[in-house]
């Protein structure tokens, strides 16, 4: 059985890792997106750094047997709804 760990990113050093998960997950579907939509879906490293630094979202990463497997950004909205963004899992998982 696999060991799964979910952890909150703590600093901007995780931003490139999160970007790479998004890129790897969505690259096979790039042709189905407009350029703008793909760039909005695969958040750039710089934008992810800003997201982490501003605490705009909680950016989580998933580790499977100590290998980076996925990511999600979440934010609780004023109405009590959970907003989910930038959710992706590497194709190998």
Protein backbone atom coordinates (compact mmCIF):
# COMPACT_ATOMS: atom_id res chain seq x y z
CA UNK A 1 0.00 0.00 0.00
CA UNK A 2 1.23 3.50 -0.86
CA UNK A 3 2.04 6.10 1.76
CA UNK A 4 0.17 9.34 0.91
CA UNK A 5 1.00 12.65 2.60
CA UNK A 6 -0.72 15.99 1.98
CA UNK A 7 1.20 19.07 3.06
CA UNK A 8 0.80 22.82 2.78
CA UNK A 9 3.48 24.65 0.86
CA UNK A 10 5.49 26.79 3.22
CA UNK A 11 7.46 29.05 0.92
CA UNK A 12 8.03 30.19 -2.64
CA UNK A 13 10.57 27.41 -3.23
CA UNK A 14 7.63 25.07 -3.87
CA UNK A 15 6.22 27.25 -6.67
CA UNK A 16 8.28 25.65 -9.48
CA UNK A 17 7.29 22.19 -8.21
CA UNK A 18 3.61 23.11 -8.28
CA UNK A 19 3.95 24.65 -11.75
CA UNK A 20 5.64 21.49 -13.04
CA UNK A 21 2.84 19.26 -11.69
CA UNK A 22 0.27 21.45 -13.46
CA UNK A 23 2.29 21.43 -16.67
CA UNK A 24 2.83 17.67 -16.64
CA UNK A 25 -0.85 17.01 -15.93
CA UNK A 26 -2.26 19.37 -18.57
CA UNK A 27 0.37 19.19 -21.32
CA UNK A 28 -1.37 16.25 -23.07
CA UNK A 29 -4.47 18.46 -23.44
CA UNK A 30 -2.73 21.67 -24.60
CA UNK A 31 -4.19 21.44 -28.11
CA UNK A 32 -7.70 21.50 -26.65
CA UNK A 33 -7.09 24.86 -24.94
CA UNK A 34 -6.64 28.35 -26.30
CA UNK A 35 -3.26 29.81 -25.37
CA UNK A 36 -4.89 32.07 -22.77
CA UNK A 37 -6.91 29.26 -21.21
CA UNK A 38 -3.87 26.97 -21.01
CA UNK A 39 -1.80 29.71 -19.37
CA UNK A 40 -4.61 30.35 -16.87
CA UNK A 41 -4.84 26.63 -16.09
CA UNK A 42 -1.10 26.01 -15.83
CA UNK A 43 -0.28 28.81 -13.41
CA UNK A 44 3.19 30.23 -14.01
CA UNK A 45 5.91 29.86 -11.42
CA UNK A 46 5.83 33.61 -10.78
CA UNK A 47 2.07 33.67 -10.27
CA UNK A 48 2.28 30.65 -7.99
CA UNK A 49 5.00 32.39 -5.94
CA UNK A 50 2.66 35.37 -5.55
CA UNK A 51 -0.23 33.08 -4.59
CA UNK A 52 1.87 31.39 -1.90
CA UNK A 53 3.41 34.62 -0.57
CA UNK A 54 0.09 36.46 -0.39
CA UNK A 55 -1.65 33.58 1.38
CA UNK A 56 -4.43 34.12 -1.17
CA UNK A 57 -4.89 30.34 -1.28
CA UNK A 58 -3.66 27.42 0.72
CA UNK A 59 -1.49 25.58 -1.78
CA UNK A 60 -1.27 21.89 -0.99
CA UNK A 61 0.95 19.21 -2.45
CA UNK A 62 0.45 15.46 -2.33
CA UNK A 63 3.33 13.06 -1.90
CA UNK A 64 2.99 9.38 -2.73
CA UNK A 65 5.82 7.31 -1.28
CA UNK A 66 7.84 10.57 -1.02
CA UNK A 67 7.34 11.37 -4.72
CA UNK A 68 5.50 14.57 -5.64
CA UNK A 69 2.19 13.38 -7.10
CA UNK A 70 -0.32 16.23 -7.12
CA UNK A 71 -1.40 19.69 -6.07
CA UNK A 72 -4.47 21.77 -5.30
CA UNK A 73 -5.05 25.36 -4.25
CA UNK A 74 -7.99 26.03 -1.94
CA UNK A 75 -9.62 29.10 -0.42
CA UNK A 76 -12.55 29.46 1.95
CA UNK A 77 -14.90 32.15 0.68
CA UNK A 78 -16.96 34.53 2.79
CA UNK A 79 -20.14 32.55 2.14
CA UNK A 80 -18.54 29.45 3.65
CA UNK A 81 -17.96 27.85 0.25
CA UNK A 82 -14.66 26.17 -0.55
CA UNK A 83 -13.09 27.47 -3.77
CA UNK A 84 -10.83 24.92 -5.47
CA UNK A 85 -8.27 25.94 -8.11
CA UNK A 86 -5.23 24.53 -9.85
CA UNK A 87 -5.97 20.91 -9.03
CA UNK A 88 -3.79 18.39 -10.83
CA UNK A 89 -2.26 14.95 -10.48
CA UNK A 90 0.73 13.71 -12.43
CA UNK A 91 -0.34 11.25 -15.13
CA UNK A 92 1.73 8.48 -13.53
CA UNK A 93 -0.71 8.50 -10.60
